[in-house]
């Protein structure tokens, strides 16, 4: 398996998923790895067979741009976020609407399930991070857990469930390394666009506006500063399921871009995958070295790094 080696060989040709009529800002594998869900500016979420790339279904999820899609840990539900100011929770089996959450002002840009499945976190252009309880009937507005002074671009729960990370255009990264503790770090580069935890919850990666990805330990100390070829926004960052590789989308607006694969042990570049346009989101398969990447040009490319 290529992820176990020191570096990748020549990257294989990707599988390209076409069908959206707007840019693809969110991508997620189902927990069983069989399905890829994609969120688009065309107001829909599409579902694809992860092995063949065949389109399985299209959901008219929102009345405006769909910014994000994420599965619950047990795979029974998925959630979406939208410029229409709402986040929604759906059943995976029949894609039936379970909850619609609306709070604050403007677009909802990011959404994350708490690992235990009991809550959903959302963030958007009003700067607030809200948490919505999924058991029973949620009160309007959700619970505001923290407030940034600018847009909340991305959220991630610690995989062990004990904390939540939020990143914002206010150049702040806030996260909980343990219960009752909040750490704030400022990359001092520019707006923070993306965030991801390692599977063991020990490291946090954050992508910024000017092509730099910072990695932090649980105390907020900088572990690595990674710079790709481009100077555009790092909208996508994700760790592989074994925690050995960090994939970072590194590109400039509406131009061909790269996905850089970094070795977590050495922080050296292991491989560079070429996309036809600006990368907006990345996601790893839950158990295999398979990477899905959504972009501005309305496509999703899937690389099987076992090949």
C-alpha atoms as a PDB file:
ATOM      1  CA  UNK A   1       0.000   0.000   0.000  1.00  0.00           C
ATOM      2  CA  UNK A   2       1.471   3.316  -1.043  1.00  0.00           C
ATOM      3  CA  UNK A   3       0.625   5.155   2.157  1.00  0.00           C
ATOM      4  CA  UNK A   4       2.999   2.898   4.060  1.00  0.00           C
ATOM      5  CA  UNK A   5       6.021   3.902   1.957  1.00  0.00           C
ATOM      6  CA  UNK A   6       8.343   6.861   2.250  1.00  0.00           C
ATOM      7  CA  UNK A   7       6.964   8.446  -0.900  1.00  0.00           C
ATOM      8  CA  UNK A   8       4.451   7.875  -3.659  1.00  0.00           C
ATOM      9  CA  UNK A   9       5.358   6.873  -7.159  1.00  0.00           C
ATOM     10  CA  UNK A  10       3.995   8.628 -10.227  1.00  0.00           C
ATOM     11  CA  UNK A  11       0.403   9.608  -9.405  1.00  0.00           C
ATOM     12  CA  UNK A  12      -2.247   7.550 -11.213  1.00  0.00           C
ATOM     13  CA  UNK A  13      -4.828   9.129 -13.486  1.00  0.00           C
ATOM     14  CA  UNK A  14      -7.822  10.251 -11.439  1.00  0.00           C
ATOM     15  CA  UNK A  15     -11.452   9.319 -11.889  1.00  0.00           C
ATOM     16  CA  UNK A  16     -13.348  12.502 -12.803  1.00  0.00           C
ATOM     17  CA  UNK A  17     -16.915  13.021 -11.609  1.00  0.00           C
ATOM     18  CA  UNK A  18     -18.937  15.367 -13.807  1.00  0.00           C
ATOM     19  CA  UNK A  19     -22.543  16.448 -13.405  1.00  0.00           C
ATOM     20  CA  UNK A  20     -22.675  19.534 -11.213  1.00  0.00           C
ATOM     21  CA  UNK A  21     -23.451  22.852 -12.893  1.00  0.00           C
ATOM     22  CA  UNK A  22     -21.794  24.943 -10.181  1.00  0.00           C
ATOM     23  CA  UNK A  23     -18.515  24.841  -8.270  1.00  0.00           C
ATOM     24  CA  UNK A  24     -18.038  22.018  -5.763  1.00  0.00           C
ATOM     25  CA  UNK A  25     -17.346  23.349  -2.270  1.00  0.00           C
ATOM     26  CA  UNK A  26     -17.886  20.222  -0.178  1.00  0.00           C
ATOM     27  CA  UNK A  27     -16.985  16.541  -0.473  1.00  0.00           C
ATOM     28  CA  UNK A  28     -17.356  13.613   1.920  1.00  0.00           C
ATOM     29  CA  UNK A  29     -17.034   9.841   1.891  1.00  0.00           C
ATOM     30  CA  UNK A  30     -19.698   7.826   3.656  1.00  0.00           C
ATOM     31  CA  UNK A  31     -18.265   5.963   6.683  1.00  0.00           C
ATOM     32  CA  UNK A  32     -18.468   2.646   4.814  1.00  0.00           C
ATOM     33  CA  UNK A  33     -16.467   4.165   1.958  1.00  0.00           C
ATOM     34  CA  UNK A  34     -18.984   3.181  -0.704  1.00  0.00           C
ATOM     35  CA  UNK A  35     -20.420   6.601  -1.516  1.00  0.00           C
ATOM     36  CA  UNK A  36     -19.049  10.076  -2.179  1.00  0.00           C
ATOM     37  CA  UNK A  37     -21.317  13.052  -1.445  1.00  0.00           C
ATOM     38  CA  UNK A  38     -20.617  16.415  -3.092  1.00  0.00           C
ATOM     39  CA  UNK A  39     -22.057  19.854  -2.309  1.00  0.00           C
ATOM     40  CA  UNK A  40     -22.326  22.449  -5.054  1.00  0.00           C
ATOM     41  CA  UNK A  41     -23.155  26.017  -5.973  1.00  0.00           C
ATOM     42  CA  UNK A  42     -25.925  24.543  -8.158  1.00  0.00           C
ATOM     43  CA  UNK A  43     -27.999  24.136  -4.928  1.00  0.00           C
ATOM     44  CA  UNK A  44     -27.688  20.334  -4.945  1.00  0.00           C
ATOM     45  CA  UNK A  45     -25.904  17.476  -3.266  1.00  0.00           C
ATOM     46  CA  UNK A  46     -24.955  14.593  -5.527  1.00  0.00           C
ATOM     47  CA  UNK A  47     -24.131  11.038  -4.517  1.00  0.00           C
ATOM     48  CA  UNK A  48     -21.640   8.913  -6.443  1.00  0.00           C
ATOM     49  CA  UNK A  49     -20.464   5.321  -6.367  1.00  0.00           C
ATOM     50  CA  UNK A  50     -16.972   5.682  -4.908  1.00  0.00           C
ATOM     51  CA  UNK A  51     -15.581   2.733  -6.866  1.00  0.00           C
ATOM     52  CA  UNK A  52     -16.967   3.512 -10.338  1.00  0.00           C
ATOM     53  CA  UNK A  53     -17.788   7.227 -10.224  1.00  0.00           C
ATOM     54  CA  UNK A  54     -21.370   6.533 -11.327  1.00  0.00           C
ATOM     55  CA  UNK A  55     -23.870   9.167 -10.229  1.00  0.00           C
ATOM     56  CA  UNK A  56     -26.385   7.553  -7.876  1.00  0.00           C
ATOM     57  CA  UNK A  57     -28.738  10.389  -6.928  1.00  0.00           C
ATOM     58  CA  UNK A  58     -29.208  14.155  -6.813  1.00  0.00           C
ATOM     59  CA  UNK A  59     -30.792  15.960  -3.872  1.00  0.00           C
ATOM     60  CA  UNK A  60     -32.226  19.467  -4.277  1.00  0.00           C
ATOM     61  CA  UNK A  61     -31.002  20.268  -0.793  1.00  0.00           C
ATOM     62  CA  UNK A  62     -31.278  24.061  -0.493  1.00  0.00           C
ATOM     63  CA  UNK A  63     -32.560  27.230  -2.132  1.00  0.00           C
ATOM     64  CA  UNK A  64     -29.047  28.597  -2.627  1.00  0.00           C
ATOM     65  CA  UNK A  65     -25.389  27.491  -2.842  1.00  0.00           C
ATOM     66  CA  UNK A  66     -24.619  24.363  -0.804  1.00  0.00           C
ATOM     67  CA  UNK A  67     -21.315  25.039   0.931  1.00  0.00           C
ATOM     68  CA  UNK A  68     -20.673  21.811   2.834  1.00  0.00           C
ATOM     69  CA  UNK A  69     -21.725  18.203   3.314  1.00  0.00           C
ATOM     70  CA  UNK A  70     -20.685  15.814   6.082  1.00  0.00           C
ATOM     71  CA  UNK A  71     -21.726  12.361   7.320  1.00  0.00           C
ATOM     72  CA  UNK A  72     -22.383  11.385  10.920  1.00  0.00           C
ATOM     73  CA  UNK A  73     -19.859   8.912  12.325  1.00  0.00           C
ATOM     74  CA  UNK A  74     -22.349   6.029  12.219  1.00  0.00           C
ATOM     75  CA  UNK A  75     -23.357   6.888   8.658  1.00  0.00           C
ATOM     76  CA  UNK A  76     -27.091   7.046   9.353  1.00  0.00           C
ATOM     77  CA  UNK A  77     -27.331  10.782   8.678  1.00  0.00           C
ATOM     78  CA  UNK A  78     -25.644  13.533   6.712  1.00  0.00           C
ATOM     79  CA  UNK A  79     -25.748  17.299   7.117  1.00  0.00           C
ATOM     80  CA  UNK A  80     -25.592  20.186   4.652  1.00  0.00           C
ATOM     81  CA  UNK A  81     -24.950  23.932   4.949  1.00  0.00           C
ATOM     82  CA  UNK A  82     -25.985  26.701   2.600  1.00  0.00           C
ATOM     83  CA  UNK A  83     -25.917  30.331   1.576  1.00  0.00           C
ATOM     84  CA  UNK A  84     -29.689  30.271   2.265  1.00  0.00           C
ATOM     85  CA  UNK A  85     -28.846  30.637   5.972  1.00  0.00           C
ATOM     86  CA  UNK A  86     -29.728  27.114   7.038  1.00  0.00           C
ATOM     87  CA  UNK A  87     -28.096  23.835   7.971  1.00  0.00           C
ATOM     88  CA  UNK A  88     -30.054  20.651   7.402  1.00  0.00           C
ATOM     89  CA  UNK A  89     -29.818  17.077   8.663  1.00  0.00           C
ATOM     90  CA  UNK A  90     -31.003  14.207   6.468  1.00  0.00           C
ATOM     91  CA  UNK A  91     -31.352  10.438   6.715  1.00  0.00           C
ATOM     92  CA  UNK A  92     -28.761   8.636   4.630  1.00  0.00           C
ATOM     93  CA  UNK A  93     -30.991   5.719   3.650  1.00  0.00           C
ATOM     94  CA  UNK A  94     -33.823   7.707   2.059  1.00  0.00           C
ATOM     95  CA  UNK A  95     -32.376  11.263   2.037  1.00  0.00           C
ATOM     96  CA  UNK A  96     -35.342  12.482   4.072  1.00  0.00           C
ATOM     97  CA  UNK A  97     -35.133  15.805   5.907  1.00  0.00           C
ATOM     98  CA  UNK A  98     -34.904  15.435   9.715  1.00  0.00           C
ATOM     99  CA  UNK A  99     -33.913  18.920  10.953  1.00  0.00           C
ATOM    100  CA  UNK A 100     -33.637  22.417   9.551  1.00  0.00           C
ATOM    101  CA  UNK A 101     -31.559  24.794  11.687  1.00  0.00           C
ATOM    102  CA  UNK A 102     -31.521  28.541  11.158  1.00  0.00           C
ATOM    103  CA  UNK A 103     -29.798  31.050  13.412  1.00  0.00           C
ATOM    104  CA  UNK A 104     -27.914  34.283  13.021  1.00  0.00           C
ATOM    105  CA  UNK A 105     -27.435  36.271   9.856  1.00  0.00           C
ATOM    106  CA  UNK A 106     -26.337  35.221   6.391  1.00  0.00           C
ATOM    107  CA  UNK A 107     -24.741  32.167   4.859  1.00  0.00           C
ATOM    108  CA  UNK A 108     -23.792  29.037   6.767  1.00  0.00           C
ATOM    109  CA  UNK A 109     -20.349  28.060   5.504  1.00  0.00           C
ATOM    110  CA  UNK A 110     -19.424  24.970   7.501  1.00  0.00           C
ATOM    111  CA  UNK A 111     -20.997  22.145   9.475  1.00  0.00           C
ATOM    112  CA  UNK A 112     -19.666  19.286  11.625  1.00  0.00           C
ATOM    113  CA  UNK A 113     -21.254  16.382  13.495  1.00  0.00           C
ATOM    114  CA  UNK A 114     -20.096  15.728  17.047  1.00  0.00           C
ATOM    115  CA  UNK A 115     -18.568  12.213  16.994  1.00  0.00           C
ATOM    116  CA  UNK A 116     -21.184  10.845  19.401  1.00  0.00           C
ATOM    117  CA  UNK A 117     -23.896  11.949  16.964  1.00  0.00           C
ATOM    118  CA  UNK A 118     -25.817  13.974  19.547  1.00  0.00           C
ATOM    119  CA  UNK A 119     -25.031  17.441  18.230  1.00  0.00           C
ATOM    120  CA  UNK A 120     -24.228  19.469  15.113  1.00  0.00           C
ATOM    121  CA  UNK A 121     -21.943  22.501  14.971  1.00  0.00           C
ATOM    122  CA  UNK A 122     -22.332  25.262  12.383  1.00  0.00           C
ATOM    123  CA  UNK A 123     -20.416  28.405  11.465  1.00  0.00           C
ATOM    124  CA  UNK A 124     -20.935  31.185   8.968  1.00  0.00           C
ATOM    125  CA  UNK A 125     -20.489  34.773   7.967  1.00  0.00           C
ATOM    126  CA  UNK A 126     -21.930  36.178  11.210  1.00  0.00           C
ATOM    127  CA  UNK A 127     -18.849  34.873  13.050  1.00  0.00           C
ATOM    128  CA  UNK A 128     -20.753  32.681  15.498  1.00  0.00           C
ATOM    129  CA  UNK A 129     -20.150  28.992  16.155  1.00  0.00           C
ATOM    130  CA  UNK A 130     -23.465  27.417  17.098  1.00  0.00           C
ATOM    131  CA  UNK A 131     -24.139  23.937  18.443  1.00  0.00           C
ATOM    132  CA  UNK A 132     -27.500  22.288  17.885  1.00  0.00           C
ATOM    133  CA  UNK A 133     -28.689  19.325  19.953  1.00  0.00           C
ATOM    134  CA  UNK A 134     -30.114  16.583  17.747  1.00  0.00           C
ATOM    135  CA  UNK A 135     -32.087  14.682  20.383  1.00  0.00           C
ATOM    136  CA  UNK A 136     -35.595  16.066  20.740  1.00  0.00           C
ATOM    137  CA  UNK A 137     -36.710  19.450  19.467  1.00  0.00           C
ATOM    138  CA  UNK A 138     -33.989  22.082  19.198  1.00  0.00           C
ATOM    139  CA  UNK A 139     -34.713  25.585  20.392  1.00  0.00           C
ATOM    140  CA  UNK A 140     -34.418  28.298  17.783  1.00  0.00           C
ATOM    141  CA  UNK A 141     -30.975  29.796  17.256  1.00  0.00           C
ATOM    142  CA  UNK A 142     -28.898  26.988  18.704  1.00  0.00           C
ATOM    143  CA  UNK A 143     -26.326  27.563  21.447  1.00  0.00           C
ATOM    144  CA  UNK A 144     -23.605  30.093  20.616  1.00  0.00           C
ATOM    145  CA  UNK A 145     -20.375  28.489  21.849  1.00  0.00           C
ATOM    146  CA  UNK A 146     -17.909  31.108  20.577  1.00  0.00           C
ATOM    147  CA  UNK A 147     -17.844  34.226  18.430  1.00  0.00           C
ATOM    148  CA  UNK A 148     -15.162  35.217  15.924  1.00  0.00           C
ATOM    149  CA  UNK A 149     -14.841  38.771  14.639  1.00  0.00           C
ATOM    150  CA  UNK A 150     -15.209  37.619  11.020  1.00  0.00           C
ATOM    151  CA  UNK A 151     -16.468  34.687   8.949  1.00  0.00           C
ATOM    152  CA  UNK A 152     -16.151  31.167  10.340  1.00  0.00           C
ATOM    153  CA  UNK A 153     -14.761  29.261   7.361  1.00  0.00           C
ATOM    154  CA  UNK A 154     -14.355  25.750   8.756  1.00  0.00           C
ATOM    155  CA  UNK A 155     -15.056  23.557  11.780  1.00  0.00           C
ATOM    156  CA  UNK A 156     -13.748  20.192  12.964  1.00  0.00           C
ATOM    157  CA  UNK A 157     -14.517  18.131  16.038  1.00  0.00           C
ATOM    158  CA  UNK A 158     -11.670  16.266  17.660  1.00  0.00           C
ATOM    159  CA  UNK A 159     -12.085  12.616  16.589  1.00  0.00           C
ATOM    160  CA  UNK A 160     -12.146  11.610  20.264  1.00  0.00           C
ATOM    161  CA  UNK A 161     -15.134  13.936  20.697  1.00  0.00           C
ATOM    162  CA  UNK A 162     -13.663  16.111  23.436  1.00  0.00           C
ATOM    163  CA  UNK A 163     -13.323  19.419  21.610  1.00  0.00           C
ATOM    164  CA  UNK A 164     -14.154  21.577  18.612  1.00  0.00           C
ATOM    165  CA  UNK A 165     -11.848  23.600  16.349  1.00  0.00           C
ATOM    166  CA  UNK A 166     -12.986  26.697  14.459  1.00  0.00           C
ATOM    167  CA  UNK A 167     -11.055  28.868  11.997  1.00  0.00           C
ATOM    168  CA  UNK A 168     -11.965  32.273  10.711  1.00  0.00           C
ATOM    169  CA  UNK A 169     -11.168  35.154   8.430  1.00  0.00           C
ATOM    170  CA  UNK A 170     -10.190  37.028  11.619  1.00  0.00           C
ATOM    171  CA  UNK A 171      -6.860  35.112  11.471  1.00  0.00           C
ATOM    172  CA  UNK A 172      -7.713  33.036  14.543  1.00  0.00           C
ATOM    173  CA  UNK A 173      -7.704  29.310  15.200  1.00  0.00           C
ATOM    174  CA  UNK A 174      -9.601  28.294  18.302  1.00  0.00           C
ATOM    175  CA  UNK A 175      -9.742  24.737  19.594  1.00  0.00           C
ATOM    176  CA  UNK A 176     -10.217  22.623  22.706  1.00  0.00           C
ATOM    177  CA  UNK A 177      -7.276  20.295  23.432  1.00  0.00           C
ATOM    178  CA  UNK A 178      -9.117  19.070  26.538  1.00  0.00           C
ATOM    179  CA  UNK A 179     -12.405  19.555  28.348  1.00  0.00           C
ATOM    180  CA  UNK A 180     -12.758  23.045  29.763  1.00  0.00           C
ATOM    181  CA  UNK A 181      -9.734  24.461  27.934  1.00  0.00           C
ATOM    182  CA  UNK A 182      -9.713  26.763  24.906  1.00  0.00           C
ATOM    183  CA  UNK A 183      -6.566  27.563  22.926  1.00  0.00           C
ATOM    184  CA  UNK A 184      -6.344  30.463  20.462  1.00  0.00           C
ATOM    185  CA  UNK A 185      -3.504  30.759  17.959  1.00  0.00           C
ATOM    186  CA  UNK A 186      -2.959  33.334  15.215  1.00  0.00           C
ATOM    187  CA  UNK A 187      -0.972  32.230  12.140  1.00  0.00           C
ATOM    188  CA  UNK A 188      -0.238  35.898  11.297  1.00  0.00           C
ATOM    189  CA  UNK A 189      -0.421  35.142   7.580  1.00  0.00           C
ATOM    190  CA  UNK A 190      -3.961  35.877   6.558  1.00  0.00           C
ATOM    191  CA  UNK A 191      -7.481  34.534   6.742  1.00  0.00           C
ATOM    192  CA  UNK A 192      -7.696  30.907   7.895  1.00  0.00           C
ATOM    193  CA  UNK A 193      -9.659  28.795   5.427  1.00  0.00           C
ATOM    194  CA  UNK A 194      -9.531  25.119   6.469  1.00  0.00           C
ATOM    195  CA  UNK A 195      -8.951  22.882   9.477  1.00  0.00           C
ATOM    196  CA  UNK A 196      -8.388  19.162  10.168  1.00  0.00           C
ATOM    197  CA  UNK A 197      -7.406  16.962  13.122  1.00  0.00           C
ATOM    198  CA  UNK A 198      -5.203  13.886  12.927  1.00  0.00           C
ATOM    199  CA  UNK A 199      -7.153  10.678  13.687  1.00  0.00           C
ATOM    200  CA  UNK A 200      -5.498  10.494  17.124  1.00  0.00           C
ATOM    201  CA  UNK A 201      -6.519  14.123  17.875  1.00  0.00           C
ATOM    202  CA  UNK A 202      -2.927  15.135  18.686  1.00  0.00           C
ATOM    203  CA  UNK A 203      -2.280  17.530  15.780  1.00  0.00           C
ATOM    204  CA  UNK A 204      -4.325  20.196  14.025  1.00  0.00           C
ATOM    205  CA  UNK A 205      -3.694  21.462  10.471  1.00  0.00           C
ATOM    206  CA  UNK A 206      -4.953  24.862   9.300  1.00  0.00           C
ATOM    207  CA  UNK A 207      -4.837  26.238   5.750  1.00  0.00           C
ATOM    208  CA  UNK A 208      -4.572  29.966   5.120  1.00  0.00           C
ATOM    209  CA  UNK A 209      -5.290  32.484   2.411  1.00  0.00           C
ATOM    210  CA  UNK A 210      -1.759  32.731   1.025  1.00  0.00           C
ATOM    211  CA  UNK A 211      -0.852  29.125   0.338  1.00  0.00           C
ATOM    212  CA  UNK A 212       0.595  28.265   3.759  1.00  0.00           C
ATOM    213  CA  UNK A 213      -0.578  25.412   5.978  1.00  0.00           C
ATOM    214  CA  UNK A 214       0.290  25.492   9.667  1.00  0.00           C
ATOM    215  CA  UNK A 215       0.310  22.430  11.931  1.00  0.00           C
ATOM    216  CA  UNK A 216      -0.197  22.822  15.696  1.00  0.00           C
ATOM    217  CA  UNK A 217       0.120  20.485  18.680  1.00  0.00           C
ATOM    218  CA  UNK A 218      -2.506  20.225  21.425  1.00  0.00           C
ATOM    219  CA  UNK A 219      -0.978  23.140  23.344  1.00  0.00           C
ATOM    220  CA  UNK A 220      -1.085  25.476  20.359  1.00  0.00           C
ATOM    221  CA  UNK A 221       2.623  25.236  19.564  1.00  0.00           C
ATOM    222  CA  UNK A 222       3.536  25.351  15.878  1.00  0.00           C
ATOM    223  CA  UNK A 223       4.841  21.982  14.661  1.00  0.00           C
ATOM    224  CA  UNK A 224       5.248  22.713  10.955  1.00  0.00           C
ATOM    225  CA  UNK A 225       4.746  25.446   8.356  1.00  0.00           C
ATOM    226  CA  UNK A 226       4.120  24.001   4.901  1.00  0.00           C
ATOM    227  CA  UNK A 227       4.286  26.002   1.688  1.00  0.00           C
ATOM    228  CA  UNK A 228       3.171  24.668  -1.648  1.00  0.00           C
ATOM    229  CA  UNK A 229       3.786  26.012  -5.126  1.00  0.00           C
ATOM    230  CA  UNK A 230       0.888  28.449  -5.238  1.00  0.00           C
ATOM    231  CA  UNK A 231      -0.056  31.503  -3.198  1.00  0.00           C
ATOM    232  CA  UNK A 232      -3.835  31.071  -3.300  1.00  0.00           C
ATOM    233  CA  UNK A 233      -6.263  29.976  -0.630  1.00  0.00           C
ATOM    234  CA  UNK A 234      -5.816  26.595   1.059  1.00  0.00           C
ATOM    235  CA  UNK A 235      -9.502  25.708   1.112  1.00  0.00           C
ATOM    236  CA  UNK A 236      -8.954  21.993   1.705  1.00  0.00           C
ATOM    237  CA  UNK A 237      -6.891  20.061   4.250  1.00  0.00           C
ATOM    238  CA  UNK A 238      -7.383  16.482   5.443  1.00  0.00           C
ATOM    239  CA  UNK A 239      -5.366  13.743   7.148  1.00  0.00           C
ATOM    240  CA  UNK A 240      -5.447  10.188   5.801  1.00  0.00           C
ATOM    241  CA  UNK A 241      -7.148   7.551   7.939  1.00  0.00           C
ATOM    242  CA  UNK A 242      -3.804   6.180   9.145  1.00  0.00           C
ATOM    243  CA  UNK A 243      -2.645   9.674  10.094  1.00  0.00           C
ATOM    244  CA  UNK A 244       0.535   9.418   8.014  1.00  0.00           C
ATOM    245  CA  UNK A 245      -0.332  11.804   5.182  1.00  0.00           C
ATOM    246  CA  UNK A 246      -1.758  15.331   5.076  1.00  0.00           C
ATOM    247  CA  UNK A 247      -3.470  16.336   1.823  1.00  0.00           C
ATOM    248  CA  UNK A 248      -3.618  20.069   1.144  1.00  0.00           C
ATOM    249  CA  UNK A 249      -5.423  21.816  -1.707  1.00  0.00           C
ATOM    250  CA  UNK A 250      -3.086  24.544  -2.934  1.00  0.00           C
ATOM    251  CA  UNK A 251      -4.231  26.721  -5.798  1.00  0.00           C
ATOM    252  CA  UNK A 252      -5.060  30.096  -7.302  1.00  0.00           C
ATOM    253  CA  UNK A 253      -8.482  31.301  -8.360  1.00  0.00           C
ATOM    254  CA  UNK A 254      -9.831  29.659 -11.521  1.00  0.00           C
ATOM    255  CA  UNK A 255      -6.422  28.230 -12.486  1.00  0.00           C
ATOM    256  CA  UNK A 256      -4.951  24.704 -12.521  1.00  0.00           C
ATOM    257  CA  UNK A 257      -3.761  23.805  -9.046  1.00  0.00           C
ATOM    258  CA  UNK A 258      -2.092  21.130  -6.940  1.00  0.00           C
ATOM    259  CA  UNK A 259      -2.955  18.832  -4.100  1.00  0.00           C
ATOM    260  CA  UNK A 260       0.216  18.392  -2.083  1.00  0.00           C
ATOM    261  CA  UNK A 261       0.646  15.238  -0.006  1.00  0.00           C
ATOM    262  CA  UNK A 262       2.859  15.815   3.035  1.00  0.00           C
ATOM    263  CA  UNK A 263       4.546  13.100   5.117  1.00  0.00           C
ATOM    264  CA  UNK A 264       3.415  13.682   8.708  1.00  0.00           C
ATOM    265  CA  UNK A 265       6.531  12.047  10.183  1.00  0.00           C
ATOM    266  CA  UNK A 266       8.998  14.335   8.350  1.00  0.00           C
ATOM    267  CA  UNK A 267       6.795  17.133   6.898  1.00  0.00           C
ATOM    268  CA  UNK A 268       8.411  16.538   3.520  1.00  0.00           C
ATOM    269  CA  UNK A 269       6.434  16.537   0.294  1.00  0.00           C
ATOM    270  CA  UNK A 270       5.562  12.981  -0.749  1.00  0.00           C
ATOM    271  CA  UNK A 271       3.638  13.647  -3.957  1.00  0.00           C
ATOM    272  CA  UNK A 272       1.837  16.328  -5.929  1.00  0.00           C
ATOM    273  CA  UNK A 273      -1.471  15.679  -7.695  1.00  0.00           C
ATOM    274  CA  UNK A 274      -2.581  17.976 -10.512  1.00  0.00           C
ATOM    275  CA  UNK A 275      -6.113  19.347 -10.695  1.00  0.00           C
ATOM    276  CA  UNK A 276      -7.569  21.217 -13.659  1.00  0.00           C
ATOM    277  CA  UNK A 277      -8.808  24.115 -11.520  1.00  0.00           C
ATOM    278  CA  UNK A 278      -8.778  25.731  -8.074  1.00  0.00           C
ATOM    279  CA  UNK A 279      -9.275  23.162  -5.309  1.00  0.00           C
ATOM    280  CA  UNK A 280     -12.074  23.964  -2.854  1.00  0.00           C
ATOM    281  CA  UNK A 281     -12.356  20.790  -0.764  1.00  0.00           C
ATOM    282  CA  UNK A 282     -10.601  17.469  -0.084  1.00  0.00           C
ATOM    283  CA  UNK A 283     -11.606  14.230   1.655  1.00  0.00           C
ATOM    284  CA  UNK A 284      -9.934  10.871   2.267  1.00  0.00           C
ATOM    285  CA  UNK A 285     -11.622   7.477   2.100  1.00  0.00           C
ATOM    286  CA  UNK A 286     -12.236   6.194   5.665  1.00  0.00           C
ATOM    287  CA  UNK A 287      -9.928   3.180   5.312  1.00  0.00           C
ATOM    288  CA  UNK A 288      -8.114   3.322   1.950  1.00  0.00           C
ATOM    289  CA  UNK A 289      -5.567   5.672   0.318  1.00  0.00           C
ATOM    290  CA  UNK A 290      -8.225   7.193  -1.926  1.00  0.00           C
ATOM    291  CA  UNK A 291      -8.591  10.959  -2.130  1.00  0.00           C
ATOM    292  CA  UNK A 292     -11.562  12.952  -3.473  1.00  0.00           C
ATOM    293  CA  UNK A 293     -11.102  16.604  -4.454  1.00  0.00           C
ATOM    294  CA  UNK A 294     -13.753  19.153  -5.481  1.00  0.00           C
ATOM    295  CA  UNK A 295     -12.982  22.276  -7.498  1.00  0.00           C
ATOM    296  CA  UNK A 296     -14.145  25.548  -8.985  1.00  0.00           C
ATOM    297  CA  UNK A 297     -14.540  23.979 -12.443  1.00  0.00           C
ATOM    298  CA  UNK A 298     -17.572  21.916 -11.213  1.00  0.00           C
ATOM    299  CA  UNK A 299     -15.657  18.616 -11.183  1.00  0.00           C
ATOM    300  CA  UNK A 300     -14.557  16.147  -8.535  1.00  0.00           C
ATOM    301  CA  UNK A 301     -11.415  14.109  -9.090  1.00  0.00           C
ATOM    302  CA  UNK A 302     -10.760  10.867  -7.224  1.00  0.00           C
ATOM    303  CA  UNK A 303      -7.256   9.449  -6.938  1.00  0.00           C
ATOM    304  CA  UNK A 304      -6.719   5.838  -5.913  1.00  0.00           C
ATOM    305  CA  UNK A 305      -3.156   5.875  -4.577  1.00  0.00           C
ATOM    306  CA  UNK A 306      -3.112   2.084  -4.333  1.00  0.00           C
ATOM    307  CA  UNK A 307      -2.741   1.912  -8.107  1.00  0.00           C
END
